[in-house]
Every structure is written in C-alpha cells, then in structure tokens.
Amino acid sequence: SVKGRFTISQDNAKKTVYLEMNSLK
C-alpha cells in the first residue's frame, strides 16, 4: 500500500530511523 510513496532510511550512528511519506492519502 505504500510502495512508491514512502521511503524508509536509517542513520545507524544516530540510532534513528526515518519514514519519508509522499503523496499522502
């Protein structure tokens, strides 16, 4: 349901994960 719209990424040094959400519905 989110493929092509959301992007997950991780900064291991900061121990932080992100979720970029585009074209939100």
mmCIF file of all heavy atoms, coordinates in Angstrom:
data_MODEL
# 
_entry.id   MODEL 
# 
loop_
_atom_site.group_PDB 
_atom_site.id 
_atom_site.type_symbol 
_atom_site.label_atom_id 
_atom_site.label_alt_id 
_atom_site.label_comp_id 
_atom_site.label_asym_id 
_atom_site.label_entity_id 
_atom_site.label_seq_id 
_atom_site.pdbx_PDB_ins_code 
_atom_site.Cartn_x 
_atom_site.Cartn_y 
_atom_site.Cartn_z 
_atom_site.occupancy 
_atom_site.B_iso_or_equiv 
_atom_site.pdbx_formal_charge 
_atom_site.auth_seq_id 
_atom_site.auth_comp_id 
_atom_site.auth_asym_id 
_atom_site.auth_atom_id 
_atom_site.pdbx_PDB_model_num 
ATOM 1   N N   . SER A 1 1  ? 0.791  -1.220 0.000  1.00 0.00 ? 1  SER A N   1 
ATOM 2   C CA  . SER A 1 1  ? 0.000  0.000  0.000  1.00 0.00 ? 1  SER A CA  1 
ATOM 3   C C   . SER A 1 1  ? 0.829  1.278  0.000  1.00 0.00 ? 1  SER A C   1 
ATOM 4   O O   . SER A 1 1  ? 0.311  2.344  -0.340 1.00 0.00 ? 1  SER A O   1 
ATOM 5   C CB  . SER A 1 1  ? -0.947 0.009  1.201  1.00 0.00 ? 1  SER A CB  1 
ATOM 6   O OG  . SER A 1 1  ? -0.223 -0.055 2.413  1.00 0.00 ? 1  SER A OG  1 
ATOM 7   N N   . VAL A 1 2  ? 2.104  1.186  0.371  1.00 0.00 ? 2  VAL A N   1 
ATOM 8   C CA  . VAL A 1 2  ? 2.928  2.390  0.454  1.00 0.00 ? 2  VAL A CA  1 
ATOM 9   C C   . VAL A 1 2  ? 4.104  2.381  -0.512 1.00 0.00 ? 2  VAL A C   1 
ATOM 10  O O   . VAL A 1 2  ? 4.831  3.376  -0.601 1.00 0.00 ? 2  VAL A O   1 
ATOM 11  C CB  . VAL A 1 2  ? 3.451  2.625  1.884  1.00 0.00 ? 2  VAL A CB  1 
ATOM 12  C CG1 . VAL A 1 2  ? 2.294  2.650  2.880  1.00 0.00 ? 2  VAL A CG1 1 
ATOM 13  C CG2 . VAL A 1 2  ? 4.482  1.579  2.279  1.00 0.00 ? 2  VAL A CG2 1 
ATOM 14  N N   . LYS A 1 3  ? 4.300  1.308  -1.234 1.00 0.00 ? 3  LYS A N   1 
ATOM 15  C CA  . LYS A 1 3  ? 5.406  1.238  -2.186 1.00 0.00 ? 3  LYS A CA  1 
ATOM 16  C C   . LYS A 1 3  ? 5.305  2.357  -3.210 1.00 0.00 ? 3  LYS A C   1 
ATOM 17  O O   . LYS A 1 3  ? 4.240  2.628  -3.748 1.00 0.00 ? 3  LYS A O   1 
ATOM 18  C CB  . LYS A 1 3  ? 5.424  -0.112 -2.893 1.00 0.00 ? 3  LYS A CB  1 
ATOM 19  C CG  . LYS A 1 3  ? 5.926  -1.256 -2.039 1.00 0.00 ? 3  LYS A CG  1 
ATOM 20  C CD  . LYS A 1 3  ? 5.981  -2.558 -2.833 1.00 0.00 ? 3  LYS A CD  1 
ATOM 21  C CE  . LYS A 1 3  ? 6.518  -3.692 -1.986 1.00 0.00 ? 3  LYS A CE  1 
ATOM 22  N NZ  . LYS A 1 3  ? 6.538  -4.973 -2.730 1.00 0.00 ? 3  LYS A NZ  1 
ATOM 23  N N   . GLY A 1 4  ? 6.431  2.989  -3.470 1.00 0.00 ? 4  GLY A N   1 
ATOM 24  C CA  . GLY A 1 4  ? 6.469  4.082  -4.421 1.00 0.00 ? 4  GLY A CA  1 
ATOM 25  C C   . GLY A 1 4  ? 6.127  5.423  -3.830 1.00 0.00 ? 4  GLY A C   1 
ATOM 26  O O   . GLY A 1 4  ? 6.320  6.456  -4.484 1.00 0.00 ? 4  GLY A O   1 
ATOM 27  N N   . ARG A 1 5  ? 5.616  5.434  -2.599 1.00 0.00 ? 5  ARG A N   1 
ATOM 28  C CA  . ARG A 1 5  ? 5.250  6.685  -1.953 1.00 0.00 ? 5  ARG A CA  1 
ATOM 29  C C   . ARG A 1 5  ? 6.068  6.949  -0.690 1.00 0.00 ? 5  ARG A C   1 
ATOM 30  O O   . ARG A 1 5  ? 6.382  8.098  -0.382 1.00 0.00 ? 5  ARG A O   1 
ATOM 31  C CB  . ARG A 1 5  ? 3.764  6.696  -1.590 1.00 0.00 ? 5  ARG A CB  1 
ATOM 32  C CG  . ARG A 1 5  ? 2.844  6.563  -2.793 1.00 0.00 ? 5  ARG A CG  1 
ATOM 33  C CD  . ARG A 1 5  ? 1.383  6.792  -2.406 1.00 0.00 ? 5  ARG A CD  1 
ATOM 34  N NE  . ARG A 1 5  ? 0.923  5.814  -1.431 1.00 0.00 ? 5  ARG A NE  1 
ATOM 35  C CZ  . ARG A 1 5  ? 0.474  6.121  -0.211 1.00 0.00 ? 5  ARG A CZ  1 
ATOM 36  N NH1 . ARG A 1 5  ? 0.417  7.388  0.177  1.00 0.00 ? 5  ARG A NH1 1 
ATOM 37  N NH2 . ARG A 1 5  ? 0.061  5.162  0.604  1.00 0.00 ? 5  ARG A NH2 1 
ATOM 38  N N   . PHE A 1 6  ? 6.384  5.899  0.044  1.00 0.00 ? 6  PHE A N   1 
ATOM 39  C CA  . PHE A 1 6  ? 7.130  6.031  1.291  1.00 0.00 ? 6  PHE A CA  1 
ATOM 40  C C   . PHE A 1 6  ? 8.558  5.531  1.104  1.00 0.00 ? 6  PHE A C   1 
ATOM 41  O O   . PHE A 1 6  ? 8.805  4.593  0.339  1.00 0.00 ? 6  PHE A O   1 
ATOM 42  C CB  . PHE A 1 6  ? 6.486  5.215  2.409  1.00 0.00 ? 6  PHE A CB  1 
ATOM 43  C CG  . PHE A 1 6  ? 5.143  5.714  2.881  1.00 0.00 ? 6  PHE A CG  1 
ATOM 44  C CD1 . PHE A 1 6  ? 4.467  6.718  2.212  1.00 0.00 ? 6  PHE A CD1 1 
ATOM 45  C CD2 . PHE A 1 6  ? 4.571  5.152  4.011  1.00 0.00 ? 6  PHE A CD2 1 
ATOM 46  C CE1 . PHE A 1 6  ? 3.228  7.170  2.652  1.00 0.00 ? 6  PHE A CE1 1 
ATOM 47  C CE2 . PHE A 1 6  ? 3.339  5.594  4.461  1.00 0.00 ? 6  PHE A CE2 1 
ATOM 48  C CZ  . PHE A 1 6  ? 2.664  6.599  3.785  1.00 0.00 ? 6  PHE A CZ  1 
ATOM 49  N N   . THR A 1 7  ? 9.482  6.128  1.836  1.00 0.00 ? 7  THR A N   1 
ATOM 50  C CA  . THR A 1 7  ? 10.864 5.699  1.823  1.00 0.00 ? 7  THR A CA  1 
ATOM 51  C C   . THR A 1 7  ? 11.381 5.617  3.248  1.00 0.00 ? 7  THR A C   1 
ATOM 52  O O   . THR A 1 7  ? 11.302 6.592  3.995  1.00 0.00 ? 7  THR A O   1 
ATOM 53  C CB  . THR A 1 7  ? 11.752 6.661  1.020  1.00 0.00 ? 7  THR A CB  1 
ATOM 54  O OG1 . THR A 1 7  ? 11.274 6.764  -0.323 1.00 0.00 ? 7  THR A OG1 1 
ATOM 55  C CG2 . THR A 1 7  ? 13.193 6.155  0.990  1.00 0.00 ? 7  THR A CG2 1 
ATOM 56  N N   . ILE A 1 8  ? 11.910 4.455  3.610  1.00 0.00 ? 8  ILE A N   1 
ATOM 57  C CA  . ILE A 1 8  ? 12.477 4.284  4.933  1.00 0.00 ? 8  ILE A CA  1 
ATOM 58  C C   . ILE A 1 8  ? 13.993 4.415  4.842  1.00 0.00 ? 8  ILE A C   1 
ATOM 59  O O   . ILE A 1 8  ? 14.612 4.008  3.857  1.00 0.00 ? 8  ILE A O   1 
ATOM 60  C CB  . ILE A 1 8  ? 12.076 2.925  5.543  1.00 0.00 ? 8  ILE A CB  1 
ATOM 61  C CG1 . ILE A 1 8  ? 12.450 2.858  7.028  1.00 0.00 ? 8  ILE A CG1 1 
ATOM 62  C CG2 . ILE A 1 8  ? 12.692 1.763  4.774  1.00 0.00 ? 8  ILE A CG2 1 
ATOM 63  C CD1 . ILE A 1 8  ? 11.859 1.658  7.755  1.00 0.00 ? 8  ILE A CD1 1 
ATOM 64  N N   . SER A 1 9  ? 14.586 4.984  5.864  1.00 0.00 ? 9  SER A N   1 
ATOM 65  C CA  . SER A 1 9  ? 16.031 5.110  5.917  1.00 0.00 ? 9  SER A CA  1 
ATOM 66  C C   . SER A 1 9  ? 16.475 5.038  7.368  1.00 0.00 ? 9  SER A C   1 
ATOM 67  O O   . SER A 1 9  ? 15.667 5.171  8.287  1.00 0.00 ? 9  SER A O   1 
ATOM 68  C CB  . SER A 1 9  ? 16.510 6.417  5.275  1.00 0.00 ? 9  SER A CB  1 
ATOM 69  O OG  . SER A 1 9  ? 15.975 7.542  5.937  1.00 0.00 ? 9  SER A OG  1 
ATOM 70  N N   . GLN A 1 10 ? 17.764 4.822  7.570  1.00 0.00 ? 10 GLN A N   1 
ATOM 71  C CA  . GLN A 1 10 ? 18.276 4.673  8.927  1.00 0.00 ? 10 GLN A CA  1 
ATOM 72  C C   . GLN A 1 10 ? 19.644 5.306  9.035  1.00 0.00 ? 10 GLN A C   1 
ATOM 73  O O   . GLN A 1 10 ? 20.490 5.152  8.158  1.00 0.00 ? 10 GLN A O   1 
ATOM 74  C CB  . GLN A 1 10 ? 18.336 3.188  9.305  1.00 0.00 ? 10 GLN A CB  1 
ATOM 75  C CG  . GLN A 1 10 ? 18.805 2.919  10.713 1.00 0.00 ? 10 GLN A CG  1 
ATOM 76  C CD  . GLN A 1 10 ? 18.576 1.484  11.127 1.00 0.00 ? 10 GLN A CD  1 
ATOM 77  O OE1 . GLN A 1 10 ? 17.784 1.200  12.028 1.00 0.00 ? 10 GLN A OE1 1 
ATOM 78  N NE2 . GLN A 1 10 ? 19.263 0.565  10.464 1.00 0.00 ? 10 GLN A NE2 1 
ATOM 79  N N   . ASP A 1 11 ? 19.844 6.001  10.129 1.00 0.00 ? 11 ASP A N   1 
ATOM 80  C CA  . ASP A 1 11 ? 21.138 6.555  10.475 1.00 0.00 ? 11 ASP A CA  1 
ATOM 81  C C   . ASP A 1 11 ? 21.633 5.745  11.666 1.00 0.00 ? 11 ASP A C   1 
ATOM 82  O O   . ASP A 1 11 ? 21.219 5.976  12.798 1.00 0.00 ? 11 ASP A O   1 
ATOM 83  C CB  . ASP A 1 11 ? 21.022 8.036  10.831 1.00 0.00 ? 11 ASP A CB  1 
ATOM 84  C CG  . ASP A 1 11 ? 22.363 8.685  11.094 1.00 0.00 ? 11 ASP A CG  1 
ATOM 85  O OD1 . ASP A 1 11 ? 23.315 7.984  11.474 1.00 0.00 ? 11 ASP A OD1 1 
ATOM 86  O OD2 . ASP A 1 11 ? 22.457 9.918  10.923 1.00 0.00 ? 11 ASP A OD2 1 
ATOM 87  N N   . ASN A 1 12 ? 22.507 4.789  11.403 1.00 0.00 ? 12 ASN A N   1 
ATOM 88  C CA  . ASN A 1 12 ? 22.970 3.904  12.465 1.00 0.00 ? 12 ASN A CA  1 
ATOM 89  C C   . ASN A 1 12 ? 23.739 4.656  13.551 1.00 0.00 ? 12 ASN A C   1 
ATOM 90  O O   . ASN A 1 12 ? 23.650 4.311  14.729 1.00 0.00 ? 12 ASN A O   1 
ATOM 91  C CB  . ASN A 1 12 ? 23.838 2.791  11.888 1.00 0.00 ? 12 ASN A CB  1 
ATOM 92  C CG  . ASN A 1 12 ? 23.048 1.754  11.127 1.00 0.00 ? 12 ASN A CG  1 
ATOM 93  O OD1 . ASN A 1 12 ? 21.901 1.462  11.464 1.00 0.00 ? 12 ASN A OD1 1 
ATOM 94  N ND2 . ASN A 1 12 ? 23.657 1.181  10.092 1.00 0.00 ? 12 ASN A ND2 1 
ATOM 95  N N   . ALA A 1 13 ? 24.498 5.666  13.152 1.00 0.00 ? 13 ALA A N   1 
ATOM 96  C CA  . ALA A 1 13 ? 25.259 6.434  14.117 1.00 0.00 ? 13 ALA A CA  1 
ATOM 97  C C   . ALA A 1 13 ? 24.343 7.146  15.104 1.00 0.00 ? 13 ALA A C   1 
ATOM 98  O O   . ALA A 1 13 ? 24.661 7.256  16.290 1.00 0.00 ? 13 ALA A O   1 
ATOM 99  C CB  . ALA A 1 13 ? 26.162 7.439  13.412 1.00 0.00 ? 13 ALA A CB  1 
ATOM 100 N N   . LYS A 1 14 ? 23.212 7.625  14.615 1.00 0.00 ? 14 LYS A N   1 
ATOM 101 C CA  . LYS A 1 14 ? 22.253 8.325  15.468 1.00 0.00 ? 14 LYS A CA  1 
ATOM 102 C C   . LYS A 1 14 ? 21.192 7.394  16.037 1.00 0.00 ? 14 LYS A C   1 
ATOM 103 O O   . LYS A 1 14 ? 20.352 7.833  16.822 1.00 0.00 ? 14 LYS A O   1 
ATOM 104 C CB  . LYS A 1 14 ? 21.573 9.442  14.685 1.00 0.00 ? 14 LYS A CB  1 
ATOM 105 C CG  . LYS A 1 14 ? 22.513 10.541 14.226 1.00 0.00 ? 14 LYS A CG  1 
ATOM 106 C CD  . LYS A 1 14 ? 21.757 11.621 13.472 1.00 0.00 ? 14 LYS A CD  1 
ATOM 107 C CE  . LYS A 1 14 ? 22.685 12.744 13.034 1.00 0.00 ? 14 LYS A CE  1 
ATOM 108 N NZ  . LYS A 1 14 ? 21.951 13.793 12.291 1.00 0.00 ? 14 LYS A NZ  1 
ATOM 109 N N   . LYS A 1 15 ? 21.232 6.130  15.622 1.00 0.00 ? 15 LYS A N   1 
ATOM 110 C CA  . LYS A 1 15 ? 20.242 5.144  16.053 1.00 0.00 ? 15 LYS A CA  1 
ATOM 111 C C   . LYS A 1 15 ? 18.832 5.660  15.798 1.00 0.00 ? 15 LYS A C   1 
ATOM 112 O O   . LYS A 1 15 ? 17.940 5.552  16.643 1.00 0.00 ? 15 LYS A O   1 
ATOM 113 C CB  . LYS A 1 15 ? 20.436 4.783  17.526 1.00 0.00 ? 15 LYS A CB  1 
ATOM 114 C CG  . LYS A 1 15 ? 21.766 4.114  17.815 1.00 0.00 ? 15 LYS A CG  1 
ATOM 115 C CD  . LYS A 1 15 ? 21.877 3.682  19.266 1.00 0.00 ? 15 LYS A CD  1 
ATOM 116 C CE  . LYS A 1 15 ? 21.883 4.896  20.179 1.00 0.00 ? 15 LYS A CE  1 
ATOM 117 N NZ  . LYS A 1 15 ? 22.051 4.509  21.608 1.00 0.00 ? 15 LYS A NZ  1 
ATOM 118 N N   . THR A 1 16 ? 18.649 6.214  14.620 1.00 0.00 ? 16 THR A N   1 
ATOM 119 C CA  . THR A 1 16 ? 17.379 6.816  14.242 1.00 0.00 ? 16 THR A CA  1 
ATOM 120 C C   . THR A 1 16 ? 16.907 6.258  12.907 1.00 0.00 ? 16 THR A C   1 
ATOM 121 O O   . THR A 1 16 ? 17.707 6.107  11.977 1.00 0.00 ? 16 THR A O   1 
ATOM 122 C CB  . THR A 1 16 ? 17.506 8.338  14.143 1.00 0.00 ? 16 THR A CB  1 
ATOM 123 O OG1 . THR A 1 16 ? 17.914 8.865  15.413 1.00 0.00 ? 16 THR A OG1 1 
ATOM 124 C CG2 . THR A 1 16 ? 16.192 8.973  13.740 1.00 0.00 ? 16 THR A CG2 1 
ATOM 125 N N   . VAL A 1 17 ? 15.625 5.962  12.833 1.00 0.00 ? 17 VAL A N   1 
ATOM 126 C CA  . VAL A 1 17 ? 15.026 5.523  11.588 1.00 0.00 ? 17 VAL A CA  1 
ATOM 127 C C   . VAL A 1 17 ? 14.033 6.589  11.143 1.00 0.00 ? 17 VAL A C   1 
ATOM 128 O O   . VAL A 1 17 ? 13.378 7.236  11.974 1.00 0.00 ? 17 VAL A O   1 
ATOM 129 C CB  . VAL A 1 17 ? 14.344 4.144  11.743 1.00 0.00 ? 17 VAL A CB  1 
ATOM 130 C CG1 . VAL A 1 17 ? 13.168 4.209  12.715 1.00 0.00 ? 17 VAL A CG1 1 
ATOM 131 C CG2 . VAL A 1 17 ? 13.901 3.614  10.388 1.00 0.00 ? 17 VAL A CG2 1 
ATOM 132 N N   . TYR A 1 18 ? 13.924 6.783  9.830  1.00 0.00 ? 18 TYR A N   1 
ATOM 133 C CA  . TYR A 1 18 ? 13.058 7.797  9.262  1.00 0.00 ? 18 TYR A CA  1 
ATOM 134 C C   . TYR A 1 18 ? 12.059 7.162  8.312  1.00 0.00 ? 18 TYR A C   1 
ATOM 135 O O   . TYR A 1 18 ? 12.314 6.118  7.725  1.00 0.00 ? 18 TYR A O   1 
ATOM 136 C CB  . TYR A 1 18 ? 13.869 8.835  8.490  1.00 0.00 ? 18 TYR A CB  1 
ATOM 137 C CG  . TYR A 1 18 ? 14.974 9.482  9.291  1.00 0.00 ? 18 TYR A CG  1 
ATOM 138 C CD1 . TYR A 1 18 ? 16.266 8.961  9.276  1.00 0.00 ? 18 TYR A CD1 1 
ATOM 139 C CD2 . TYR A 1 18 ? 14.721 10.604 10.067 1.00 0.00 ? 18 TYR A CD2 1 
ATOM 140 C CE1 . TYR A 1 18 ? 17.276 9.546  10.009 1.00 0.00 ? 18 TYR A CE1 1 
ATOM 141 C CE2 . TYR A 1 18 ? 15.731 11.195 10.805 1.00 0.00 ? 18 TYR A CE2 1 
ATOM 142 C CZ  . TYR A 1 18 ? 17.005 10.666 10.772 1.00 0.00 ? 18 TYR A CZ  1 
ATOM 143 O OH  . TYR A 1 18 ? 18.009 11.258 11.507 1.00 0.00 ? 18 TYR A OH  1 
ATOM 144 N N   . LEU A 1 19 ? 10.950 7.815  8.152  1.00 0.00 ? 19 LEU A N   1 
ATOM 145 C CA  . LEU A 1 19 ? 9.965  7.410  7.158  1.00 0.00 ? 19 LEU A CA  1 
ATOM 146 C C   . LEU A 1 19 ? 9.523  8.651  6.408  1.00 0.00 ? 19 LEU A C   1 
ATOM 147 O O   . LEU A 1 19 ? 8.794  9.483  6.952  1.00 0.00 ? 19 LEU A O   1 
ATOM 148 C CB  . LEU A 1 19 ? 8.767  6.716  7.807  1.00 0.00 ? 19 LEU A CB  1 
ATOM 149 C CG  . LEU A 1 19 ? 7.757  6.111  6.831  1.00 0.00 ? 19 LEU A CG  1 
ATOM 150 C CD1 . LEU A 1 19 ? 8.387  4.938  6.075  1.00 0.00 ? 19 LEU A CD1 1 
ATOM 151 C CD2 . LEU A 1 19 ? 6.503  5.657  7.562  1.00 0.00 ? 19 LEU A CD2 1 
ATOM 152 N N   . GLU A 1 20 ? 9.992  8.778  5.172  1.00 0.00 ? 20 GLU A N   1 
ATOM 153 C CA  . GLU A 1 20 ? 9.587  9.873  4.305  1.00 0.00 ? 20 GLU A CA  1 
ATOM 154 C C   . GLU A 1 20 ? 8.309  9.453  3.603  1.00 0.00 ? 20 GLU A C   1 
ATOM 155 O O   . GLU A 1 20 ? 8.288  8.453  2.890  1.00 0.00 ? 20 GLU A O   1 
ATOM 156 C CB  . GLU A 1 20 ? 10.682 10.181 3.292  1.00 0.00 ? 20 GLU A CB  1 
ATOM 157 C CG  . GLU A 1 20 ? 10.377 11.333 2.359  1.00 0.00 ? 20 GLU A CG  1 
ATOM 158 C CD  . GLU A 1 20 ? 10.447 12.677 3.045  1.00 0.00 ? 20 GLU A CD  1 
ATOM 159 O OE1 . GLU A 1 20 ? 11.271 12.831 3.964  1.00 0.00 ? 20 GLU A OE1 1 
ATOM 160 O OE2 . GLU A 1 20 ? 9.679  13.582 2.662  1.00 0.00 ? 20 GLU A OE2 1 
ATOM 161 N N   . MET A 1 21 ? 7.256  10.203 3.808  1.00 0.00 ? 21 MET A N   1 
ATOM 162 C CA  . MET A 1 21 ? 5.950  9.874  3.268  1.00 0.00 ? 21 MET A CA  1 
ATOM 163 C C   . MET A 1 21 ? 5.542  10.950 2.270  1.00 0.00 ? 21 MET A C   1 
ATOM 164 O O   . MET A 1 21 ? 5.422  12.117 2.636  1.00 0.00 ? 21 MET A O   1 
ATOM 165 C CB  . MET A 1 21 ? 4.914  9.757  4.380  1.00 0.00 ? 21 MET A CB  1 
ATOM 166 C CG  . MET A 1 21 ? 5.298  8.760  5.468  1.00 0.00 ? 21 MET A CG  1 
ATOM 167 S SD  . MET A 1 21 ? 3.984  8.516  6.679  1.00 0.00 ? 21 MET A SD  1 
ATOM 168 C CE  . MET A 1 21 ? 3.938  10.157 7.426  1.00 0.00 ? 21 MET A CE  1 
ATOM 169 N N   . ASN A 1 22 ? 5.338  10.545 1.039  1.00 0.00 ? 22 ASN A N   1 
ATOM 170 C CA  . ASN A 1 22 ? 4.935  11.448 -0.026 1.00 0.00 ? 22 ASN A CA  1 
ATOM 171 C C   . ASN A 1 22 ? 3.603  11.005 -0.619 1.00 0.00 ? 22 ASN A C   1 
ATOM 172 O O   . ASN A 1 22 ? 3.175  9.873  -0.432 1.00 0.00 ? 22 ASN A O   1 
ATOM 173 C CB  . ASN A 1 22 ? 6.004  11.485 -1.122 1.00 0.00 ? 22 ASN A CB  1 
ATOM 174 C CG  . ASN A 1 22 ? 7.337  11.969 -0.631 1.00 0.00 ? 22 ASN A CG  1 
ATOM 175 O OD1 . ASN A 1 22 ? 7.430  13.007 0.020  1.00 0.00 ? 22 ASN A OD1 1 
ATOM 176 N ND2 . ASN A 1 22 ? 8.397  11.229 -0.953 1.00 0.00 ? 22 ASN A ND2 1 
ATOM 177 N N   . SER A 1 23 ? 2.986  11.913 -1.353 1.00 0.00 ? 23 SER A N   1 
ATOM 178 C CA  . SER A 1 23 ? 1.697  11.623 -1.996 1.00 0.00 ? 23 SER A CA  1 
ATOM 179 C C   . SER A 1 23 ? 0.716  11.015 -1.006 1.00 0.00 ? 23 SER A C   1 
ATOM 180 O O   . SER A 1 23 ? 0.053  10.011 -1.283 1.00 0.00 ? 23 SER A O   1 
ATOM 181 C CB  . SER A 1 23 ? 1.905  10.693 -3.189 1.00 0.00 ? 23 SER A CB  1 
ATOM 182 O OG  . SER A 1 23 ? 2.782  11.266 -4.136 1.00 0.00 ? 23 SER A OG  1 
ATOM 183 N N   . LEU A 1 24 ? 0.616  11.630 0.127  1.00 0.00 ? 24 LEU A N   1 
ATOM 184 C CA  . LEU A 1 24 ? -0.203 11.084 1.199  1.00 0.00 ? 24 LEU A CA  1 
ATOM 185 C C   . LEU A 1 24 ? -1.679 11.068 0.835  1.00 0.00 ? 24 LEU A C   1 
ATOM 186 O O   . LEU A 1 24 ? -2.173 11.962 0.147  1.00 0.00 ? 24 LEU A O   1 
ATOM 187 C CB  . LEU A 1 24 ? 0.014  11.877 2.482  1.00 0.00 ? 24 LEU A CB  1 
ATOM 188 C CG  . LEU A 1 24 ? 1.342  11.569 3.178  1.00 0.00 ? 24 LEU A CG  1 
ATOM 189 C CD1 . LEU A 1 24 ? 1.700  12.668 4.165  1.00 0.00 ? 24 LEU A CD1 1 
ATOM 190 C CD2 . LEU A 1 24 ? 1.259  10.222 3.883  1.00 0.00 ? 24 LEU A CD2 1 
ATOM 191 N N   . LYS A 1 25 ? -2.346 10.038 1.316  1.00 0.00 ? 25 LYS A N   1 
ATOM 192 C CA  . LYS A 1 25 ? -3.761 9.825  1.048  1.00 0.00 ? 25 LYS A CA  1 
ATOM 193 C C   . LYS A 1 25 ? -4.528 9.787  2.363  1.00 0.00 ? 25 LYS A C   1 
ATOM 194 O O   . LYS A 1 25 ? -3.960 9.469  3.404  1.00 0.00 ? 25 LYS A O   1 
ATOM 195 C CB  . LYS A 1 25 ? -3.973 8.498  0.317  1.00 0.00 ? 25 LYS A CB  1 
ATOM 196 C CG  . LYS A 1 25 ? -3.178 8.337  -0.962 1.00 0.00 ? 25 LYS A CG  1 
ATOM 197 C CD  . LYS A 1 25 ? -3.349 6.935  -1.527 1.00 0.00 ? 25 LYS A CD  1 
ATOM 198 C CE  . LYS A 1 25 ? -2.546 6.748  -2.796 1.00 0.00 ? 25 LYS A CE  1 
ATOM 199 N NZ  . LYS A 1 25 ? -2.700 5.367  -3.336 1.00 0.00 ? 25 LYS A NZ  1 
# 
